[in-house]
Every structure is written in structure tokens, then in C-alpha cells.
Protein backbone atom coordinates (compact mmCIF):
# COMPACT_ATOMS: atom_id res chain seq x y z
CA UNK A 1 2.65 -8.46 -0.43
CA UNK A 2 4.12 -11.24 -2.39
CA UNK A 3 2.23 -14.51 -3.15
CA UNK A 4 -1.29 -13.31 -2.85
CA UNK A 5 -3.86 -13.90 -5.58
CA UNK A 6 -4.49 -10.48 -7.00
CA UNK A 7 -6.39 -11.13 -10.45
CA UNK A 8 -7.93 -13.77 -12.65
CA UNK A 9 -8.34 -14.15 -16.30
CA UNK A 10 -10.83 -15.77 -18.62
CA UNK A 11 -9.96 -16.34 -22.34
CA UNK A 12 -12.72 -16.34 -24.89
CA UNK A 13 -13.68 -17.19 -28.57
CA UNK A 14 -16.07 -14.62 -28.98
CA UNK A 15 -15.81 -11.43 -27.23
CA UNK A 16 -19.38 -10.25 -27.41
CA UNK A 17 -20.86 -13.70 -26.35
CA UNK A 18 -18.39 -13.91 -23.36
CA UNK A 19 -19.03 -10.39 -22.08
CA UNK A 20 -22.77 -11.03 -22.45
CA UNK A 21 -22.63 -14.37 -20.79
CA UNK A 22 -20.67 -13.06 -17.61
CA UNK A 23 -22.55 -9.81 -17.23
CA UNK A 24 -25.91 -11.53 -17.67
CA UNK A 25 -25.36 -14.62 -15.50
CA UNK A 26 -23.06 -13.08 -12.58
CA UNK A 27 -23.62 -9.23 -13.08
CA UNK A 28 -19.96 -8.60 -13.96
CA UNK A 29 -19.09 -5.07 -15.07
CA UNK A 30 -16.98 -5.65 -18.12
CA UNK A 31 -14.84 -2.82 -19.90
CA UNK A 32 -13.22 -3.32 -23.19
CA UNK A 33 -9.79 -1.82 -23.52
CA UNK A 34 -9.07 -1.91 -27.32
CA UNK A 35 -5.46 -0.52 -26.96
CA UNK A 36 -4.50 -3.59 -24.99
CA UNK A 37 -6.92 -6.14 -26.68
CA UNK A 38 -8.29 -6.77 -23.36
CA UNK A 39 -11.35 -6.56 -21.18
CA UNK A 40 -11.28 -5.38 -17.39
CA UNK A 41 -13.73 -7.25 -15.27
CA UNK A 42 -15.17 -5.86 -12.07
CA UNK A 43 -16.90 -8.70 -9.87
CA UNK A 44 -17.87 -6.35 -7.07
CA UNK A 45 -17.88 -2.67 -6.05
CA UNK A 46 -14.93 -0.44 -6.79
CA UNK A 47 -13.89 3.13 -6.04
CA UNK A 48 -13.28 5.89 -8.57
CA UNK A 49 -9.90 4.38 -9.70
CA UNK A 50 -11.41 0.84 -10.26
CA UNK A 51 -10.03 -0.67 -6.99
CA UNK A 52 -12.09 -2.90 -5.17
CA UNK A 53 -13.69 -1.46 -1.89
CA UNK A 54 -14.83 -4.82 -0.27
CA UNK A 55 -12.25 -7.31 1.54
CA UNK A 56 -11.76 -10.42 -0.54
CA UNK A 57 -12.96 -8.95 -3.87
CA UNK A 58 -10.71 -9.77 -6.71
CA UNK A 59 -10.96 -8.19 -10.35
CA UNK A 60 -9.95 -9.73 -13.57
CA UNK A 61 -9.80 -9.67 -17.22
CA UNK A 62 -10.90 -11.50 -20.50
CA UNK A 63 -8.89 -11.79 -23.64
CA UNK A 64 -8.87 -13.58 -26.89
CA UNK A 65 -8.00 -17.29 -26.44
CA UNK A 66 -4.53 -18.27 -28.00
CA UNK A 67 -2.59 -21.40 -28.21
CA UNK A 68 -0.30 -20.75 -25.28
CA UNK A 69 -2.90 -18.98 -22.91
CA UNK A 70 -6.16 -20.78 -23.55
CA UNK A 71 -7.65 -21.59 -20.15
CA UNK A 72 -8.66 -19.64 -17.08
CA UNK A 73 -5.67 -18.32 -15.09
CA UNK A 74 -5.19 -17.02 -11.50
CA UNK A 75 -2.40 -14.31 -11.06
CA UNK A 76 -0.10 -14.15 -8.13
CA UNK A 77 1.48 -10.94 -7.02
CA UNK A 78 5.41 -10.90 -6.53
CA UNK A 79 7.70 -8.42 -5.32
CA UNK A 80 10.51 -9.30 -7.79
CA UNK A 81 9.74 -11.00 -11.10
CA UNK A 82 13.10 -12.23 -11.95
CA UNK A 83 13.49 -13.93 -8.62
CA UNK A 84 10.03 -15.58 -8.87
CA UNK A 85 10.78 -16.87 -12.33
CA UNK A 86 14.00 -18.29 -11.11
CA UNK A 87 12.29 -19.94 -8.12
CA UNK A 88 9.57 -21.22 -10.29
CA UNK A 89 12.25 -22.91 -12.57
CA UNK A 90 14.16 -24.29 -9.65
CA UNK A 91 11.05 -25.94 -8.18
CA UNK A 92 9.82 -27.87 -11.39
CA UNK A 93 7.79 -25.01 -13.15
CA UNK A 94 8.52 -23.19 -16.40
CA UNK A 95 8.07 -19.86 -18.03
CA UNK A 96 5.21 -19.87 -20.53
CA UNK A 97 5.23 -16.20 -21.56
CA UNK A 98 8.24 -13.78 -20.58
CA UNK A 99 7.55 -10.83 -18.50
CA UNK A 100 5.96 -7.93 -20.42
CA UNK A 101 5.10 -4.27 -19.47
CA UNK A 102 1.58 -3.63 -18.96
CA UNK A 103 1.11 0.16 -19.62
CA UNK A 104 2.40 2.16 -16.77
CA UNK A 105 0.83 -0.21 -14.33
CA UNK A 106 3.37 -3.12 -13.94
CA UNK A 107 4.83 -6.19 -15.37
CA UNK A 108 2.91 -9.66 -16.19
CA UNK A 109 4.01 -13.03 -17.11
CA UNK A 110 2.70 -16.58 -17.28
CA UNK A 111 4.15 -19.76 -15.93
CA UNK A 112 3.34 -23.38 -15.55
CA UNK A 113 3.52 -24.93 -11.96
CA UNK A 114 4.99 -28.23 -11.07
CA UNK A 115 1.49 -29.88 -12.05
CA UNK A 116 1.16 -28.28 -15.27
CA UNK A 117 -1.21 -25.61 -14.41
CA UNK A 118 -1.10 -22.37 -16.15
CA UNK A 119 -0.75 -19.44 -13.80
CA UNK A 120 0.00 -15.55 -13.97
CA UNK A 121 2.55 -13.44 -12.23
CA UNK A 122 2.16 -9.68 -11.50
CA UNK A 123 4.62 -7.20 -10.43
CA UNK A 124 3.48 -3.68 -9.80
CA UNK A 125 5.68 -0.79 -10.82
CA UNK A 126 7.44 0.56 -7.90
CA UNK A 127 7.94 -2.72 -6.44
CA UNK A 128 11.70 -3.95 -6.22
């Protein structure tokens, strides 16, 4: 379904410190994925494939802060990345980071909305 929030991301300056903080304070399970320079975050119960098993639970990720992507982000699922990027531009937003494949899972991009907020886009593989 297009338009739903499906993921969040939290940048960090110190990976160990950030993982310790969020796991200690909120009980998040955080799994580093060195091949992607990324950490998967589970904020609730999951099945054997890592997918949420409770309604409303959204997982996320953590990554090294960089100048373009330096603050927390919510990610919105789209059916067609190119159409979403065109609609964003037509409505006062702008692409911040062009679409990039994420392994064999899908394609991700970052954009700023009409208010300057940094947001993410996600298209699963197999979507049109």
C-alpha cells in the first residue's frame, strides 16, 4: 500500500554509544549489518524473518550521521519510486539522495518535503 509509514532511521555519531542508549533505555534489539554500514532496529516482537508480529509496530535502522542525512527520518512506502519523486518535485519538495538499491529488498531514496523536513522513500522489489 502506498503512502504508509513503514520505517524510521536514527543517525548517530558513535555507533556503540547509540546502540547502548536505545537498547538500555527502550529495550530495542539492534543488529549491526557491516556489509551495509547499517544497524537494523527492532522495537517490538518479530517473526523468524524479522517482520513485526504486532499491529502498529514499525521497525527501523541506525546509521553513521553524514552532512546530507543527519537527523531522524520517517520512511514512506511507494509503489512507484519515479512517480513519487516526480510528484514530490511538482509539489514543492526536492530529492536529497537519488534512489539506490538496498540489497535484494528494494530501493530507497531521501527527499525534503515542502517544509524542508527530511523524509525517506521506500519501494519494495516486486512493486511496479
